Amino acid sequence: MTDRSIRFGDNVAKARKAKGWTQLKLSLMANVAKSYLSEVETGKRNPTLNEMVKIADALGVSLQSLIDF
């Protein structure tokens, strides 16, 4: 786990919760596995740029808002 991956995961979780979505809903919207998304949110995974864009697009937010540390 890196500090950056933890902060990215925190930002994803905050954006998801602000929409009132479950991890399952976001995983379906972003076309990623729920277990993968859970690991992203806890900082256990370092998503690729492509996956970060898919998550941001699904949330309807800019990628910059998720990586703005």
PDB file of N, CA and C in Angstrom:
ATOM      1  N   MET A   1       0.836  -1.186   0.000  1.00  0.00           N
ATOM      2  CA  MET A   1       0.000   0.000   0.000  1.00  0.00           C
ATOM      3  C   MET A   1       0.877   1.245   0.000  1.00  0.00           C
ATOM      4  N   THR A   2       0.547   2.154  -0.864  1.00  0.00           N
ATOM      5  CA  THR A   2       1.243   3.434  -0.867  1.00  0.00           C
ATOM      6  C   THR A   2       0.277   4.509  -0.400  1.00  0.00           C
ATOM      7  N   ASP A   3       0.843   5.599   0.051  1.00  0.00           N
ATOM      8  CA  ASP A   3       0.021   6.712   0.506  1.00  0.00           C
ATOM      9  C   ASP A   3      -0.875   7.221  -0.622  1.00  0.00           C
ATOM     10  N   ARG A   4      -0.339   7.236  -1.832  1.00  0.00           N
ATOM     11  CA  ARG A   4      -1.129   7.717  -2.981  1.00  0.00           C
ATOM     12  C   ARG A   4      -2.302   6.802  -3.273  1.00  0.00           C
ATOM     13  N   SER A   5      -2.071   5.496  -3.212  1.00  0.00           N
ATOM     14  CA  SER A   5      -3.174   4.577  -3.496  1.00  0.00           C
ATOM     15  C   SER A   5      -4.244   4.663  -2.417  1.00  0.00           C
ATOM     16  N   ILE A   6      -3.835   4.899  -1.180  1.00  0.00           N
ATOM     17  CA  ILE A   6      -4.811   5.071  -0.101  1.00  0.00           C
ATOM     18  C   ILE A   6      -5.629   6.338  -0.316  1.00  0.00           C
ATOM     19  N   ARG A   7      -4.964   7.419  -0.679  1.00  0.00           N
ATOM     20  CA  ARG A   7      -5.690   8.680  -0.910  1.00  0.00           C
ATOM     21  C   ARG A   7      -6.615   8.577  -2.119  1.00  0.00           C
ATOM     22  N   PHE A   8      -6.157   7.920  -3.190  1.00  0.00           N
ATOM     23  CA  PHE A   8      -7.028   7.720  -4.348  1.00  0.00           C
ATOM     24  C   PHE A   8      -8.254   6.914  -3.937  1.00  0.00           C
ATOM     25  N   GLY A   9      -8.039   5.825  -3.226  1.00  0.00           N
ATOM     26  CA  GLY A   9      -9.147   4.987  -2.767  1.00  0.00           C
ATOM     27  C   GLY A   9     -10.122   5.748  -1.892  1.00  0.00           C
ATOM     28  N   ASP A  10      -9.598   6.570  -0.997  1.00  0.00           N
ATOM     29  CA  ASP A  10     -10.465   7.394  -0.143  1.00  0.00           C
ATOM     30  C   ASP A  10     -11.329   8.333  -0.990  1.00  0.00           C
ATOM     31  N   ASN A  11     -10.714   8.936  -2.005  1.00  0.00           N
ATOM     32  CA  ASN A  11     -11.460   9.851  -2.871  1.00  0.00           C
ATOM     33  C   ASN A  11     -12.542   9.121  -3.661  1.00  0.00           C
ATOM     34  N   VAL A  12     -12.238   7.911  -4.111  1.00  0.00           N
ATOM     35  CA  VAL A  12     -13.247   7.114  -4.822  1.00  0.00           C
ATOM     36  C   VAL A  12     -14.400   6.795  -3.877  1.00  0.00           C
ATOM     37  N   ALA A  13     -14.081   6.343  -2.674  1.00  0.00           N
ATOM     38  CA  ALA A  13     -15.122   5.981  -1.706  1.00  0.00           C
ATOM     39  C   ALA A  13     -15.992   7.193  -1.353  1.00  0.00           C
ATOM     40  N   LYS A  14     -15.375   8.354  -1.169  1.00  0.00           N
ATOM     41  CA  LYS A  14     -16.144   9.569  -0.847  1.00  0.00           C
ATOM     42  C   LYS A  14     -17.081   9.946  -1.989  1.00  0.00           C
ATOM     43  N   ALA A  15     -16.576   9.878  -3.221  1.00  0.00           N
ATOM     44  CA  ALA A  15     -17.410  10.221  -4.380  1.00  0.00           C
ATOM     45  C   ALA A  15     -18.548   9.217  -4.535  1.00  0.00           C
ATOM     46  N   ARG A  16     -18.258   7.955  -4.301  1.00  0.00           N
ATOM     47  CA  ARG A  16     -19.287   6.915  -4.408  1.00  0.00           C
ATOM     48  C   ARG A  16     -20.362   7.127  -3.347  1.00  0.00           C
ATOM     49  N   LYS A  17     -19.956   7.364  -2.125  1.00  0.00           N
ATOM     50  CA  LYS A  17     -20.908   7.562  -1.032  1.00  0.00           C
ATOM     51  C   LYS A  17     -21.720   8.835  -1.216  1.00  0.00           C
ATOM     52  N   ALA A  18     -21.119   9.866  -1.806  1.00  0.00           N
ATOM     53  CA  ALA A  18     -21.848  11.112  -2.075  1.00  0.00           C
ATOM     54  C   ALA A  18     -22.998  10.872  -3.038  1.00  0.00           C
ATOM     55  N   LYS A  19     -22.852   9.883  -3.914  1.00  0.00           N
ATOM     56  CA  LYS A  19     -23.927   9.523  -4.843  1.00  0.00           C
ATOM     57  C   LYS A  19     -24.915   8.565  -4.214  1.00  0.00           C
ATOM     58  N   GLY A  20     -24.586   8.038  -3.031  1.00  0.00           N
ATOM     59  CA  GLY A  20     -25.460   7.073  -2.384  1.00  0.00           C
ATOM     60  C   GLY A  20     -25.361   5.692  -2.997  1.00  0.00           C
ATOM     61  N   TRP A  21     -24.236   5.417  -3.654  1.00  0.00           N
ATOM     62  CA  TRP A  21     -24.048   4.149  -4.343  1.00  0.00           C
ATOM     63  C   TRP A  21     -23.324   3.142  -3.461  1.00  0.00           C
ATOM     64  N   THR A  22     -23.625   1.886  -3.673  1.00  0.00           N
ATOM     65  CA  THR A  22     -22.875   0.796  -3.062  1.00  0.00           C
ATOM     66  C   THR A  22     -21.659   0.504  -3.925  1.00  0.00           C
ATOM     67  N   GLN A  23     -20.737  -0.270  -3.374  1.00  0.00           N
ATOM     68  CA  GLN A  23     -19.599  -0.702  -4.184  1.00  0.00           C
ATOM     69  C   GLN A  23     -20.081  -1.539  -5.362  1.00  0.00           C
ATOM     70  N   LEU A  24     -21.110  -2.327  -5.148  1.00  0.00           N
ATOM     71  CA  LEU A  24     -21.631  -3.150  -6.240  1.00  0.00           C
ATOM     72  C   LEU A  24     -22.128  -2.284  -7.385  1.00  0.00           C
ATOM     73  N   LYS A  25     -22.882  -1.237  -7.070  1.00  0.00           N
ATOM     74  CA  LYS A  25     -23.397  -0.365  -8.135  1.00  0.00           C
ATOM     75  C   LYS A  25     -22.252   0.280  -8.902  1.00  0.00           C
ATOM     76  N   LEU A  26     -21.276   0.812  -8.188  1.00  0.00           N
ATOM     77  CA  LEU A  26     -20.148   1.445  -8.886  1.00  0.00           C
ATOM     78  C   LEU A  26     -19.374   0.424  -9.706  1.00  0.00           C
ATOM     79  N   SER A  27     -19.177  -0.758  -9.167  1.00  0.00           N
ATOM     80  CA  SER A  27     -18.438  -1.767  -9.928  1.00  0.00           C
ATOM     81  C   SER A  27     -19.165  -2.118 -11.220  1.00  0.00           C
ATOM     82  N   LEU A  28     -20.481  -2.192 -11.165  1.00  0.00           N
ATOM     83  CA  LEU A  28     -21.257  -2.475 -12.378  1.00  0.00           C
ATOM     84  C   LEU A  28     -21.178  -1.315 -13.364  1.00  0.00           C
ATOM     85  N   MET A  29     -21.285  -0.091 -12.856  1.00  0.00           N
ATOM     86  CA  MET A  29     -21.239   1.088 -13.721  1.00  0.00           C
ATOM     87  C   MET A  29     -19.863   1.259 -14.372  1.00  0.00           C
ATOM     88  N   ALA A  30     -18.802   0.893 -13.632  1.00  0.00           N
ATOM     89  CA  ALA A  30     -17.445   1.057 -14.144  1.00  0.00           C
ATOM     90  C   ALA A  30     -16.925  -0.191 -14.852  1.00  0.00           C
ATOM     91  N   ASN A  31     -17.720  -1.254 -14.804  1.00  0.00           N
ATOM     92  CA  ASN A  31     -17.326  -2.523 -15.425  1.00  0.00           C
ATOM     93  C   ASN A  31     -16.012  -3.066 -14.850  1.00  0.00           C
ATOM     94  N   VAL A  32     -15.951  -3.066 -13.514  1.00  0.00           N
ATOM     95  CA  VAL A  32     -14.835  -3.683 -12.801  1.00  0.00           C
ATOM     96  C   VAL A  32     -15.424  -4.610 -11.742  1.00  0.00           C
ATOM     97  N   ALA A  33     -14.656  -5.575 -11.304  1.00  0.00           N
ATOM     98  CA  ALA A  33     -15.142  -6.507 -10.285  1.00  0.00           C
ATOM     99  C   ALA A  33     -15.315  -5.788  -8.951  1.00  0.00           C
ATOM    100  N   LYS A  34     -16.358  -6.173  -8.217  1.00  0.00           N
ATOM    101  CA  LYS A  34     -16.613  -5.567  -6.920  1.00  0.00           C
ATOM    102  C   LYS A  34     -15.434  -5.771  -5.976  1.00  0.00           C
ATOM    103  N   SER A  35     -14.852  -6.958  -5.985  1.00  0.00           N
ATOM    104  CA  SER A  35     -13.708  -7.224  -5.112  1.00  0.00           C
ATOM    105  C   SER A  35     -12.521  -6.328  -5.477  1.00  0.00           C
ATOM    106  N   TYR A  36     -12.344  -6.078  -6.769  1.00  0.00           N
ATOM    107  CA  TYR A  36     -11.280  -5.187  -7.230  1.00  0.00           C
ATOM    108  C   TYR A  36     -11.534  -3.774  -6.728  1.00  0.00           C
ATOM    109  N   LEU A  37     -12.772  -3.297  -6.873  1.00  0.00           N
ATOM    110  CA  LEU A  37     -13.115  -1.950  -6.431  1.00  0.00           C
ATOM    111  C   LEU A  37     -12.897  -1.806  -4.926  1.00  0.00           C
ATOM    112  N   SER A  38     -13.260  -2.818  -4.176  1.00  0.00           N
ATOM    113  CA  SER A  38     -13.042  -2.795  -2.734  1.00  0.00           C
ATOM    114  C   SER A  38     -11.561  -2.630  -2.409  1.00  0.00           C
ATOM    115  N   GLU A  39     -10.720  -3.351  -3.140  1.00  0.00           N
ATOM    116  CA  GLU A  39      -9.281  -3.243  -2.913  1.00  0.00           C
ATOM    117  C   GLU A  39      -8.737  -1.891  -3.350  1.00  0.00           C
ATOM    118  N   VAL A  40      -9.316  -1.301  -4.382  1.00  0.00           N
ATOM    119  CA  VAL A  40      -8.921   0.053  -4.793  1.00  0.00           C
ATOM    120  C   VAL A  40      -9.270   1.033  -3.680  1.00  0.00           C
ATOM    121  N   GLU A  41     -10.490   0.934  -3.152  1.00  0.00           N
ATOM    122  CA  GLU A  41     -10.931   1.874  -2.124  1.00  0.00           C
ATOM    123  C   GLU A  41     -10.121   1.761  -0.836  1.00  0.00           C
ATOM    124  N   THR A  42      -9.589   0.604  -0.544  1.00  0.00           N
ATOM    125  CA  THR A  42      -8.790   0.422   0.673  1.00  0.00           C
ATOM    126  C   THR A  42      -7.300   0.621   0.421  1.00  0.00           C
ATOM    127  N   GLY A  43      -6.935   0.937  -0.813  1.00  0.00           N
ATOM    128  CA  GLY A  43      -5.542   1.203  -1.140  1.00  0.00           C
ATOM    129  C   GLY A  43      -4.704  -0.041  -1.343  1.00  0.00           C
ATOM    130  N   LYS A  44      -5.333  -1.196  -1.427  1.00  0.00           N
ATOM    131  CA  LYS A  44      -4.596  -2.449  -1.612  1.00  0.00           C
ATOM    132  C   LYS A  44      -4.235  -2.702  -3.066  1.00  0.00           C
ATOM    133  N   ARG A  45      -4.881  -1.992  -3.982  1.00  0.00           N
ATOM    134  CA  ARG A  45      -4.615  -2.129  -5.418  1.00  0.00           C
ATOM    135  C   ARG A  45      -4.193  -0.790  -5.979  1.00  0.00           C
ATOM    136  N   ASN A  46      -3.329  -0.832  -6.961  1.00  0.00           N
ATOM    137  CA  ASN A  46      -2.946   0.355  -7.720  1.00  0.00           C
ATOM    138  C   ASN A  46      -3.573   0.229  -9.095  1.00  0.00           C
ATOM    139  N   PRO A  47      -4.678   0.912  -9.332  1.00  0.00           N
ATOM    140  CA  PRO A  47      -5.354   0.772 -10.622  1.00  0.00           C
ATOM    141  C   PRO A  47      -4.543   1.378 -11.761  1.00  0.00           C
ATOM    142  N   THR A  48      -4.748   0.834 -12.938  1.00  0.00           N
ATOM    143  CA  THR A  48      -4.123   1.397 -14.128  1.00  0.00           C
ATOM    144  C   THR A  48      -4.833   2.696 -14.481  1.00  0.00           C
ATOM    145  N   LEU A  49      -4.226   3.460 -15.348  1.00  0.00           N
ATOM    146  CA  LEU A  49      -4.852   4.702 -15.803  1.00  0.00           C
ATOM    147  C   LEU A  49      -6.211   4.414 -16.426  1.00  0.00           C
ATOM    148  N   ASN A  50      -6.305   3.366 -17.220  1.00  0.00           N
ATOM    149  CA  ASN A  50      -7.559   2.999 -17.856  1.00  0.00           C
ATOM    150  C   ASN A  50      -8.649   2.725 -16.813  1.00  0.00           C
ATOM    151  N   GLU A  51      -8.285   1.992 -15.773  1.00  0.00           N
ATOM    152  CA  GLU A  51      -9.267   1.679 -14.726  1.00  0.00           C
ATOM    153  C   GLU A  51      -9.660   2.932 -13.945  1.00  0.00           C
ATOM    154  N   MET A  52      -8.700   3.820 -13.696  1.00  0.00           N
ATOM    155  CA  MET A  52      -9.027   5.067 -12.993  1.00  0.00           C
ATOM    156  C   MET A  52     -10.011   5.902 -13.806  1.00  0.00           C
ATOM    157  N   VAL A  53      -9.802   5.943 -15.122  1.00  0.00           N
ATOM    158  CA  VAL A  53     -10.707   6.698 -15.998  1.00  0.00           C
ATOM    159  C   VAL A  53     -12.097   6.066 -15.994  1.00  0.00           C
ATOM    160  N   LYS A  54     -12.177   4.738 -16.035  1.00  0.00           N
ATOM    161  CA  LYS A  54     -13.475   4.060 -16.004  1.00  0.00           C
ATOM    162  C   LYS A  54     -14.226   4.378 -14.706  1.00  0.00           C
ATOM    163  N   ILE A  55     -13.521   4.385 -13.595  1.00  0.00           N
ATOM    164  CA  ILE A  55     -14.152   4.689 -12.304  1.00  0.00           C
ATOM    165  C   ILE A  55     -14.617   6.144 -12.273  1.00  0.00           C
ATOM    166  N   ALA A  56     -13.767   7.055 -12.710  1.00  0.00           N
ATOM    167  CA  ALA A  56     -14.136   8.472 -12.736  1.00  0.00           C
ATOM    168  C   ALA A  56     -15.340   8.708 -13.643  1.00  0.00           C
ATOM    169  N   ASP A  57     -15.327   8.113 -14.826  1.00  0.00           N
ATOM    170  CA  ASP A  57     -16.444   8.266 -15.764  1.00  0.00           C
ATOM    171  C   ASP A  57     -17.741   7.724 -15.170  1.00  0.00           C
ATOM    172  N   ALA A  58     -17.654   6.571 -14.529  1.00  0.00           N
ATOM    173  CA  ALA A  58     -18.845   5.975 -13.928  1.00  0.00           C
ATOM    174  C   ALA A  58     -19.407   6.878 -12.834  1.00  0.00           C
ATOM    175  N   LEU A  59     -18.522   7.526 -12.087  1.00  0.00           N
ATOM    176  CA  LEU A  59     -18.962   8.430 -11.020  1.00  0.00           C
ATOM    177  C   LEU A  59     -19.405   9.791 -11.556  1.00  0.00           C
ATOM    178  N   GLY A  60     -19.056  10.076 -12.800  1.00  0.00           N
ATOM    179  CA  GLY A  60     -19.403  11.370 -13.381  1.00  0.00           C
ATOM    180  C   GLY A  60     -18.555  12.498 -12.818  1.00  0.00           C
ATOM    181  N   VAL A  61     -17.306  12.168 -12.469  1.00  0.00           N
ATOM    182  CA  VAL A  61     -16.383  13.174 -11.943  1.00  0.00           C
ATOM    183  C   VAL A  61     -15.117  13.154 -12.788  1.00  0.00           C
ATOM    184  N   SER A  62     -14.325  14.204 -12.652  1.00  0.00           N
ATOM    185  CA  SER A  62     -13.064  14.233 -13.389  1.00  0.00           C
ATOM    186  C   SER A  62     -12.050  13.326 -12.703  1.00  0.00           C
ATOM    187  N   LEU A  63     -11.158  12.792 -13.491  1.00  0.00           N
ATOM    188  CA  LEU A  63     -10.085  11.986 -12.918  1.00  0.00           C
ATOM    189  C   LEU A  63      -9.260  12.848 -11.963  1.00  0.00           C
ATOM    190  N   GLN A  64      -9.073  14.097 -12.327  1.00  0.00           N
ATOM    191  CA  GLN A  64      -8.292  15.002 -11.483  1.00  0.00           C
ATOM    192  C   GLN A  64      -8.880  15.112 -10.079  1.00  0.00           C
ATOM    193  N   SER A  65     -10.201  15.099  -9.973  1.00  0.00           N
ATOM    194  CA  SER A  65     -10.811  15.206  -8.642  1.00  0.00           C
ATOM    195  C   SER A  65     -10.512  13.978  -7.778  1.00  0.00           C
ATOM    196  N   LEU A  66     -10.241  12.856  -8.413  1.00  0.00           N
ATOM    197  CA  LEU A  66      -9.929  11.634  -7.669  1.00  0.00           C
ATOM    198  C   LEU A  66      -8.455  11.522  -7.322  1.00  0.00           C
ATOM    199  N   ILE A  67      -7.602  12.192  -8.120  1.00  0.00           N
ATOM    200  CA  ILE A  67      -6.168  12.107  -7.849  1.00  0.00           C
ATOM    201  C   ILE A  67      -5.621  13.407  -7.289  1.00  0.00           C
ATOM    202  N   ASP A  68      -6.462  14.369  -7.008  1.00  0.00           N
ATOM    203  CA  ASP A  68      -6.035  15.646  -6.462  1.00  0.00           C
ATOM    204  C   ASP A  68      -5.717  15.468  -4.985  1.00  0.00           C
ATOM    205  N   PHE A  69      -4.447  15.291  -4.687  1.00  0.00           N
ATOM    206  CA  PHE A  69      -4.031  15.073  -3.306  1.00  0.00           C
ATOM    207  C   PHE A  69      -3.569  16.382  -2.741  1.00  0.00           C
TER     208      PHE A  69
END
